[in-house]
Amino acid sequence: MNNEEVLDHIAEINPDAMYPTGLEDAIIGMTTGIASDGLIVLDHQKCVEIFMARDGMSHEEALEWMSYNVTGAFMGEHTPIFVDMKENFF
């Protein structure tokens, strides 16, 4: 599925699901479950890489931008979820 198809599929399940514009390539899936069905899930490291490539930020600048402006932004019950993939732990 391409990004548009993924977003269309998620919109069918949760038309109110939100995500930061410009980070579509970091979408890795959606949540399933009674309390949080259809929330968009993004790869945190991929978001950082997008900011570095697109905006010319250093790694540290991109991490700070993510922390303050993206993961730190609560947009209500449809706020997306960011995941640190396990390969980034080691």
PDB file of N, CA and C in Angstrom:
ATOM      1  N   MET A   1       0.842  -1.188   0.000  1.00  0.00           N
ATOM      2  CA  MET A   1       0.000   0.000   0.000  1.00  0.00           C
ATOM      3  C   MET A   1       0.883   1.245   0.000  1.00  0.00           C
ATOM      4  N   ASN A   2       0.482   2.233  -0.755  1.00  0.00           N
ATOM      5  CA  ASN A   2       1.206   3.493  -0.695  1.00  0.00           C
ATOM      6  C   ASN A   2       0.625   4.348   0.435  1.00  0.00           C
ATOM      7  N   ASN A   3       1.262   5.477   0.706  1.00  0.00           N
ATOM      8  CA  ASN A   3       0.843   6.317   1.832  1.00  0.00           C
ATOM      9  C   ASN A   3      -0.614   6.758   1.731  1.00  0.00           C
ATOM     10  N   GLU A   4      -1.046   7.123   0.546  1.00  0.00           N
ATOM     11  CA  GLU A   4      -2.428   7.572   0.373  1.00  0.00           C
ATOM     12  C   GLU A   4      -3.417   6.452   0.685  1.00  0.00           C
ATOM     13  N   GLU A   5      -3.110   5.235   0.238  1.00  0.00           N
ATOM     14  CA  GLU A   5      -3.984   4.098   0.522  1.00  0.00           C
ATOM     15  C   GLU A   5      -4.025   3.794   2.019  1.00  0.00           C
ATOM     16  N   VAL A   6      -2.869   3.883   2.678  1.00  0.00           N
ATOM     17  CA  VAL A   6      -2.815   3.658   4.121  1.00  0.00           C
ATOM     18  C   VAL A   6      -3.672   4.686   4.842  1.00  0.00           C
ATOM     19  N   LEU A   7      -3.511   5.954   4.486  1.00  0.00           N
ATOM     20  CA  LEU A   7      -4.286   7.011   5.142  1.00  0.00           C
ATOM     21  C   LEU A   7      -5.780   6.860   4.860  1.00  0.00           C
ATOM     22  N   ASP A   8      -6.144   6.453   3.649  1.00  0.00           N
ATOM     23  CA  ASP A   8      -7.556   6.209   3.323  1.00  0.00           C
ATOM     24  C   ASP A   8      -8.114   5.067   4.170  1.00  0.00           C
ATOM     25  N   HIS A   9      -7.331   4.010   4.322  1.00  0.00           N
ATOM     26  CA  HIS A   9      -7.763   2.865   5.132  1.00  0.00           C
ATOM     27  C   HIS A   9      -7.969   3.282   6.591  1.00  0.00           C
ATOM     28  N   ILE A  10      -7.020   4.020   7.130  1.00  0.00           N
ATOM     29  CA  ILE A  10      -7.151   4.480   8.516  1.00  0.00           C
ATOM     30  C   ILE A  10      -8.354   5.404   8.656  1.00  0.00           C
ATOM     31  N   ALA A  11      -8.580   6.273   7.676  1.00  0.00           N
ATOM     32  CA  ALA A  11      -9.717   7.205   7.723  1.00  0.00           C
ATOM     33  C   ALA A  11     -11.052   6.475   7.730  1.00  0.00           C
ATOM     34  N   GLU A  12     -11.114   5.305   7.102  1.00  0.00           N
ATOM     35  CA  GLU A  12     -12.343   4.507   7.140  1.00  0.00           C
ATOM     36  C   GLU A  12     -12.637   4.031   8.563  1.00  0.00           C
ATOM     37  N   ILE A  13     -11.574   3.723   9.303  1.00  0.00           N
ATOM     38  CA  ILE A  13     -11.721   3.220  10.662  1.00  0.00           C
ATOM     39  C   ILE A  13     -11.879   4.361  11.657  1.00  0.00           C
ATOM     40  N   ASN A  14     -11.072   5.403  11.477  1.00  0.00           N
ATOM     41  CA  ASN A  14     -11.112   6.557  12.380  1.00  0.00           C
ATOM     42  C   ASN A  14     -10.916   7.822  11.557  1.00  0.00           C
ATOM     43  N   PRO A  15     -12.011   8.425  11.100  1.00  0.00           N
ATOM     44  CA  PRO A  15     -11.894   9.628  10.271  1.00  0.00           C
ATOM     45  C   PRO A  15     -11.266  10.818  10.998  1.00  0.00           C
ATOM     46  N   ASP A  16     -11.165  10.745  12.309  1.00  0.00           N
ATOM     47  CA  ASP A  16     -10.580  11.841  13.092  1.00  0.00           C
ATOM     48  C   ASP A  16      -9.098  11.628  13.408  1.00  0.00           C
ATOM     49  N   ALA A  17      -8.518  10.526  12.945  1.00  0.00           N
ATOM     50  CA  ALA A  17      -7.110  10.243  13.220  1.00  0.00           C
ATOM     51  C   ALA A  17      -6.248  11.381  12.688  1.00  0.00           C
ATOM     52  N   MET A  18      -5.251  11.773  13.478  1.00  0.00           N
ATOM     53  CA  MET A  18      -4.388  12.893  13.116  1.00  0.00           C
ATOM     54  C   MET A  18      -2.953  12.420  12.951  1.00  0.00           C
ATOM     55  N   TYR A  19      -2.201  13.182  12.175  1.00  0.00           N
ATOM     56  CA  TYR A  19      -0.768  12.940  12.036  1.00  0.00           C
ATOM     57  C   TYR A  19      -0.117  14.243  11.595  1.00  0.00           C
ATOM     58  N   PRO A  20       1.168  14.410  11.887  1.00  0.00           N
ATOM     59  CA  PRO A  20       1.855  15.630  11.463  1.00  0.00           C
ATOM     60  C   PRO A  20       2.078  15.622   9.948  1.00  0.00           C
ATOM     61  N   THR A  21       1.590  16.635   9.274  1.00  0.00           N
ATOM     62  CA  THR A  21       1.752  16.757   7.830  1.00  0.00           C
ATOM     63  C   THR A  21       3.230  16.742   7.462  1.00  0.00           C
ATOM     64  N   GLY A  22       3.551  16.022   6.423  1.00  0.00           N
ATOM     65  CA  GLY A  22       4.922  15.938   5.954  1.00  0.00           C
ATOM     66  C   GLY A  22       5.673  14.732   6.497  1.00  0.00           C
ATOM     67  N   LEU A  23       5.044  13.990   7.398  1.00  0.00           N
ATOM     68  CA  LEU A  23       5.698  12.816   7.973  1.00  0.00           C
ATOM     69  C   LEU A  23       5.027  11.517   7.528  1.00  0.00           C
ATOM     70  N   GLU A  24       4.326  11.572   6.415  1.00  0.00           N
ATOM     71  CA  GLU A  24       3.615  10.398   5.919  1.00  0.00           C
ATOM     72  C   GLU A  24       4.538   9.197   5.706  1.00  0.00           C
ATOM     73  N   ASP A  25       5.775   9.446   5.284  1.00  0.00           N
ATOM     74  CA  ASP A  25       6.706   8.340   5.041  1.00  0.00           C
ATOM     75  C   ASP A  25       7.136   7.635   6.323  1.00  0.00           C
ATOM     76  N   ALA A  26       6.837   8.221   7.476  1.00  0.00           N
ATOM     77  CA  ALA A  26       7.193   7.613   8.759  1.00  0.00           C
ATOM     78  C   ALA A  26       6.048   6.779   9.342  1.00  0.00           C
ATOM     79  N   ILE A  27       4.903   6.757   8.675  1.00  0.00           N
ATOM     80  CA  ILE A  27       3.771   5.974   9.171  1.00  0.00           C
ATOM     81  C   ILE A  27       4.090   4.492   9.019  1.00  0.00           C
ATOM     82  N   ILE A  28       3.966   3.765  10.138  1.00  0.00           N
ATOM     83  CA  ILE A  28       4.247   2.330  10.113  1.00  0.00           C
ATOM     84  C   ILE A  28       3.000   1.487  10.378  1.00  0.00           C
ATOM     85  N   GLY A  29       1.897   2.131  10.714  1.00  0.00           N
ATOM     86  CA  GLY A  29       0.679   1.365  10.954  1.00  0.00           C
ATOM     87  C   GLY A  29      -0.347   2.159  11.727  1.00  0.00           C
ATOM     88  N   MET A  30      -1.249   1.411  12.342  1.00  0.00           N
ATOM     89  CA  MET A  30      -2.292   2.022  13.162  1.00  0.00           C
ATOM     90  C   MET A  30      -2.562   1.126  14.356  1.00  0.00           C
ATOM     91  N   THR A  31      -3.161   1.712  15.360  1.00  0.00           N
ATOM     92  CA  THR A  31      -3.487   0.940  16.552  1.00  0.00           C
ATOM     93  C   THR A  31      -4.789   0.177  16.336  1.00  0.00           C
ATOM     94  N   THR A  32      -4.920  -0.892  17.093  1.00  0.00           N
ATOM     95  CA  THR A  32      -6.178  -1.627  17.138  1.00  0.00           C
ATOM     96  C   THR A  32      -6.492  -1.893  18.597  1.00  0.00           C
ATOM     97  N   GLY A  33      -7.729  -1.826  18.917  1.00  0.00           N
ATOM     98  CA  GLY A  33      -8.144  -2.054  20.293  1.00  0.00           C
ATOM     99  C   GLY A  33      -9.371  -1.239  20.618  1.00  0.00           C
ATOM    100  N   ILE A  34      -9.992  -1.557  21.693  1.00  0.00           N
ATOM    101  CA  ILE A  34     -11.241  -0.905  22.072  1.00  0.00           C
ATOM    102  C   ILE A  34     -11.040   0.578  22.362  1.00  0.00           C
ATOM    103  N   ALA A  35     -10.000   0.907  23.115  1.00  0.00           N
ATOM    104  CA  ALA A  35      -9.815   2.285  23.567  1.00  0.00           C
ATOM    105  C   ALA A  35      -9.108   3.161  22.547  1.00  0.00           C
ATOM    106  N   SER A  36      -8.385   2.572  21.607  1.00  0.00           N
ATOM    107  CA  SER A  36      -7.574   3.409  20.725  1.00  0.00           C
ATOM    108  C   SER A  36      -7.563   2.901  19.289  1.00  0.00           C
ATOM    109  N   ASP A  37      -8.683   2.494  18.777  1.00  0.00           N
ATOM    110  CA  ASP A  37      -8.747   1.942  17.435  1.00  0.00           C
ATOM    111  C   ASP A  37      -8.514   3.030  16.389  1.00  0.00           C
ATOM    112  N   GLY A  38      -7.569   2.778  15.484  1.00  0.00           N
ATOM    113  CA  GLY A  38      -7.370   3.661  14.348  1.00  0.00           C
ATOM    114  C   GLY A  38      -6.500   4.874  14.595  1.00  0.00           C
ATOM    115  N   LEU A  39      -5.634   4.847  15.606  1.00  0.00           N
ATOM    116  CA  LEU A  39      -4.675   5.929  15.771  1.00  0.00           C
ATOM    117  C   LEU A  39      -3.480   5.645  14.871  1.00  0.00           C
ATOM    118  N   ILE A  40      -2.951   6.673  14.258  1.00  0.00           N
ATOM    119  CA  ILE A  40      -1.808   6.519  13.368  1.00  0.00           C
ATOM    120  C   ILE A  40      -0.547   6.331  14.197  1.00  0.00           C
ATOM    121  N   VAL A  41       0.291   5.375  13.777  1.00  0.00           N
ATOM    122  CA  VAL A  41       1.545   5.075  14.462  1.00  0.00           C
ATOM    123  C   VAL A  41       2.702   5.418  13.523  1.00  0.00           C
ATOM    124  N   LEU A  42       3.650   6.192  14.044  1.00  0.00           N
ATOM    125  CA  LEU A  42       4.798   6.613  13.255  1.00  0.00           C
ATOM    126  C   LEU A  42       6.098   6.148  13.901  1.00  0.00           C
ATOM    127  N   ASP A  43       7.103   5.904  13.068  1.00  0.00           N
ATOM    128  CA  ASP A  43       8.438   5.539  13.514  1.00  0.00           C
ATOM    129  C   ASP A  43       9.171   6.821  13.914  1.00  0.00           C
ATOM    130  N   HIS A  44       9.500   6.946  15.190  1.00  0.00           N
ATOM    131  CA  HIS A  44      10.132   8.156  15.725  1.00  0.00           C
ATOM    132  C   HIS A  44      11.431   8.470  14.989  1.00  0.00           C
ATOM    133  N   GLN A  45      12.298   7.472  14.808  1.00  0.00           N
ATOM    134  CA  GLN A  45      13.592   7.701  14.149  1.00  0.00           C
ATOM    135  C   GLN A  45      13.409   8.143  12.714  1.00  0.00           C
ATOM    136  N   LYS A  46      12.427   7.574  12.017  1.00  0.00           N
ATOM    137  CA  LYS A  46      12.162   7.976  10.634  1.00  0.00           C
ATOM    138  C   LYS A  46      11.720   9.433  10.586  1.00  0.00           C
ATOM    139  N   CYS A  47      10.935   9.866  11.566  1.00  0.00           N
ATOM    140  CA  CYS A  47      10.537  11.276  11.628  1.00  0.00           C
ATOM    141  C   CYS A  47      11.767  12.166  11.768  1.00  0.00           C
ATOM    142  N   VAL A  48      12.684  11.775  12.647  1.00  0.00           N
ATOM    143  CA  VAL A  48      13.921  12.531  12.846  1.00  0.00           C
ATOM    144  C   VAL A  48      14.698  12.598  11.525  1.00  0.00           C
ATOM    145  N   GLU A  49      14.799  11.473  10.837  1.00  0.00           N
ATOM    146  CA  GLU A  49      15.510  11.431   9.556  1.00  0.00           C
ATOM    147  C   GLU A  49      14.859  12.339   8.519  1.00  0.00           C
ATOM    148  N   ILE A  50      13.533  12.393   8.514  1.00  0.00           N
ATOM    149  CA  ILE A  50      12.822  13.275   7.584  1.00  0.00           C
ATOM    150  C   ILE A  50      13.171  14.730   7.871  1.00  0.00           C
ATOM    151  N   PHE A  51      13.151  15.130   9.134  1.00  0.00           N
ATOM    152  CA  PHE A  51      13.499  16.508   9.473  1.00  0.00           C
ATOM    153  C   PHE A  51      14.939  16.834   9.089  1.00  0.00           C
ATOM    154  N   MET A  52      15.837  15.885   9.281  1.00  0.00           N
ATOM    155  CA  MET A  52      17.237  16.111   8.933  1.00  0.00           C
ATOM    156  C   MET A  52      17.388  16.297   7.418  1.00  0.00           C
ATOM    157  N   ALA A  53      16.771  15.422   6.641  1.00  0.00           N
ATOM    158  CA  ALA A  53      16.900  15.475   5.184  1.00  0.00           C
ATOM    159  C   ALA A  53      16.125  16.647   4.583  1.00  0.00           C
ATOM    160  N   ARG A  54      14.902  16.836   5.029  1.00  0.00           N
ATOM    161  CA  ARG A  54      14.038  17.849   4.431  1.00  0.00           C
ATOM    162  C   ARG A  54      14.398  19.262   4.855  1.00  0.00           C
ATOM    163  N   ASP A  55      14.724  19.413   6.155  1.00  0.00           N
ATOM    164  CA  ASP A  55      14.914  20.747   6.707  1.00  0.00           C
ATOM    165  C   ASP A  55      16.368  21.080   7.022  1.00  0.00           C
ATOM    166  N   GLY A  56      17.275  20.151   6.751  1.00  0.00           N
ATOM    167  CA  GLY A  56      18.687  20.397   6.984  1.00  0.00           C
ATOM    168  C   GLY A  56      19.073  20.494   8.450  1.00  0.00           C
ATOM    169  N   MET A  57      18.285  19.883   9.317  1.00  0.00           N
ATOM    170  CA  MET A  57      18.582  19.913  10.755  1.00  0.00           C
ATOM    171  C   MET A  57      19.673  18.912  11.084  1.00  0.00           C
ATOM    172  N   SER A  58      20.446  19.216  12.135  1.00  0.00           N
ATOM    173  CA  SER A  58      21.365  18.223  12.675  1.00  0.00           C
ATOM    174  C   SER A  58      20.533  17.182  13.416  1.00  0.00           C
ATOM    175  N   HIS A  59      21.151  16.065  13.787  1.00  0.00           N
ATOM    176  CA  HIS A  59      20.435  15.032  14.539  1.00  0.00           C
ATOM    177  C   HIS A  59      19.887  15.603  15.842  1.00  0.00           C
ATOM    178  N   GLU A  60      20.705  16.362  16.545  1.00  0.00           N
ATOM    179  CA  GLU A  60      20.285  16.955  17.823  1.00  0.00           C
ATOM    180  C   GLU A  60      19.132  17.942  17.633  1.00  0.00           C
ATOM    181  N   GLU A  61      19.211  18.767  16.568  1.00  0.00           N
ATOM    182  CA  GLU A  61      18.125  19.718  16.285  1.00  0.00           C
ATOM    183  C   GLU A  61      16.826  18.992  15.966  1.00  0.00           C
ATOM    184  N   ALA A  62      16.927  17.934  15.183  1.00  0.00           N
ATOM    185  CA  ALA A  62      15.738  17.168  14.817  1.00  0.00           C
ATOM    186  C   ALA A  62      15.120  16.489  16.037  1.00  0.00           C
ATOM    187  N   LEU A  63      15.958  15.955  16.925  1.00  0.00           N
ATOM    188  CA  LEU A  63      15.442  15.349  18.158  1.00  0.00           C
ATOM    189  C   LEU A  63      14.731  16.385  19.021  1.00  0.00           C
ATOM    190  N   GLU A  64      15.331  17.558  19.148  1.00  0.00           N
ATOM    191  CA  GLU A  64      14.714  18.617  19.948  1.00  0.00           C
ATOM    192  C   GLU A  64      13.400  19.073  19.320  1.00  0.00           C
ATOM    193  N   TRP A  65      13.373  19.222  17.996  1.00  0.00           N
ATOM    194  CA  TRP A  65      12.146  19.627  17.288  1.00  0.00           C
ATOM    195  C   TRP A  65      11.045  18.584  17.515  1.00  0.00           C
ATOM    196  N   MET A  66      11.422  17.307  17.391  1.00  0.00           N
ATOM    197  CA  MET A  66      10.450  16.237  17.618  1.00  0.00           C
ATOM    198  C   MET A  66       9.889  16.306  19.028  1.00  0.00           C
ATOM    199  N   SER A  67      10.776  16.464  19.997  1.00  0.00           N
ATOM    200  CA  SER A  67      10.364  16.465  21.394  1.00  0.00           C
ATOM    201  C   SER A  67       9.427  17.624  21.718  1.00  0.00           C
ATOM    202  N   TYR A  68       9.751  18.782  21.236  1.00  0.00           N
ATOM    203  CA  TYR A  68       8.975  19.972  21.606  1.00  0.00           C
ATOM    204  C   TYR A  68       7.736  20.167  20.738  1.00  0.00           C
ATOM    205  N   ASN A  69       7.882  19.986  19.428  1.00  0.00           N
ATOM    206  CA  ASN A  69       6.819  20.344  18.490  1.00  0.00           C
ATOM    207  C   ASN A  69       5.967  19.186  17.987  1.00  0.00           C
ATOM    208  N   VAL A  70       6.470  17.970  18.108  1.00  0.00           N
ATOM    209  CA  VAL A  70       5.733  16.852  17.531  1.00  0.00           C
ATOM    210  C   VAL A  70       5.239  15.907  18.626  1.00  0.00           C
ATOM    211  N   THR A  71       6.151  15.194  19.278  1.00  0.00           N
ATOM    212  CA  THR A  71       5.708  14.250  20.301  1.00  0.00           C
ATOM    213  C   THR A  71       5.170  14.972  21.535  1.00  0.00           C
ATOM    214  N   GLY A  72       5.565  16.213  21.727  1.00  0.00           N
ATOM    215  CA  GLY A  72       5.083  16.988  22.868  1.00  0.00           C
ATOM    216  C   GLY A  72       3.770  17.707  22.602  1.00  0.00           C
ATOM    217  N   ALA A  73       3.226  17.554  21.404  1.00  0.00           N
ATOM    218  CA  ALA A  73       1.989  18.243  21.034  1.00  0.00           C
ATOM    219  C   ALA A  73       0.799  17.297  21.215  1.00  0.00           C
ATOM    220  N   PHE A  74       0.017  17.514  22.241  1.00  0.00           N
ATOM    221  CA  PHE A  74      -1.184  16.698  22.447  1.00  0.00           C
ATOM    222  C   PHE A  74      -2.327  17.332  21.669  1.00  0.00           C
ATOM    223  N   MET A  75      -2.937  16.550  20.783  1.00  0.00           N
ATOM    224  CA  MET A  75      -4.009  17.052  19.920  1.00  0.00           C
ATOM    225  C   MET A  75      -5.345  16.395  20.245  1.00  0.00           C
ATOM    226  N   GLY A  76      -5.486  15.938  21.474  1.00  0.00           N
ATOM    227  CA  GLY A  76      -6.728  15.289  21.857  1.00  0.00           C
ATOM    228  C   GLY A  76      -6.644  13.788  21.713  1.00  0.00           C
ATOM    229  N   GLU A  77      -7.794  13.155  21.772  1.00  0.00           N
ATOM    230  CA  GLU A  77      -7.838  11.694  21.801  1.00  0.00           C
ATOM    231  C   GLU A  77      -7.394  11.036  20.499  1.00  0.00           C
ATOM    232  N   HIS A  78      -7.228  11.806  19.443  1.00  0.00           N
ATOM    233  CA  HIS A  78      -6.818  11.236  18.149  1.00  0.00           C
ATOM    234  C   HIS A  78      -5.357  11.550  17.825  1.00  0.00           C
ATOM    235  N   THR A  79      -4.604  11.959  18.847  1.00  0.00           N
ATOM    236  CA  THR A  79      -3.180  12.242  18.693  1.00  0.00           C
ATOM    237  C   THR A  79      -2.452  10.979  18.235  1.00  0.00           C
ATOM    238  N   PRO A  80      -1.544  11.093  17.263  1.00  0.00           N
ATOM    239  CA  PRO A  80      -0.809   9.906  16.816  1.00  0.00           C
ATOM    240  C   PRO A  80       0.151   9.392  17.882  1.00  0.00           C
ATOM    241  N   ILE A  81       0.621   8.188  17.648  1.00  0.00           N
ATOM    242  CA  ILE A  81       1.558   7.530  18.550  1.00  0.00           C
ATOM    243  C   ILE A  81       2.901   7.390  17.828  1.00  0.00           C
ATOM    244  N   PHE A  82       3.978   7.643  18.549  1.00  0.00           N
ATOM    245  CA  PHE A  82       5.324   7.524  18.004  1.00  0.00           C
ATOM    246  C   PHE A  82       6.032   6.379  18.701  1.00  0.00           C
ATOM    247  N   VAL A  83       6.699   5.537  17.910  1.00  0.00           N
ATOM    248  CA  VAL A  83       7.336   4.341  18.434  1.00  0.00           C
ATOM    249  C   VAL A  83       8.831   4.412  18.161  1.00  0.00           C
ATOM    250  N   ASP A  84       9.618   4.125  19.198  1.00  0.00           N
ATOM    251  CA  ASP A  84      11.047   3.910  19.013  1.00  0.00           C
ATOM    252  C   ASP A  84      11.221   2.435  18.707  1.00  0.00           C
ATOM    253  N   MET A  85      11.685   2.132  17.528  1.00  0.00           N
ATOM    254  CA  MET A  85      11.852   0.747  17.112  1.00  0.00           C
ATOM    255  C   MET A  85      12.988   0.102  17.915  1.00  0.00           C
ATOM    256  N   LYS A  86      12.884  -1.164  18.212  1.00  0.00           N
ATOM    257  CA  LYS A  86      13.842  -1.824  19.097  1.00  0.00           C
ATOM    258  C   LYS A  86      15.262  -1.778  18.577  1.00  0.00           C
ATOM    259  N   GLU A  87      15.450  -1.729  17.243  1.00  0.00           N
ATOM    260  CA  GLU A  87      16.820  -1.660  16.741  1.00  0.00           C
ATOM    261  C   GLU A  87      17.504  -0.338  17.107  1.00  0.00           C
ATOM    262  N   ASN A  88      16.724   0.670  17.500  1.00  0.00           N
ATOM    263  CA  ASN A  88      17.296   1.942  17.934  1.00  0.00           C
ATOM    264  C   ASN A  88      17.733   1.913  19.395  1.00  0.00           C
ATOM    265  N   PHE A  89      17.420   0.843  20.104  1.00  0.00           N
ATOM    266  CA  PHE A  89      17.774   0.751  21.527  1.00  0.00           C
ATOM    267  C   PHE A  89      19.220   0.363  21.738  1.00  0.00           C
ATOM    268  N   PHE A  90      19.812  -0.310  20.770  1.00  0.00           N
ATOM    269  CA  PHE A  90      21.135  -0.896  20.969  1.00  0.00           C
ATOM    270  C   PHE A  90      22.191  -0.233  20.131  1.00  0.00           C
TER     271      PHE A  90
END
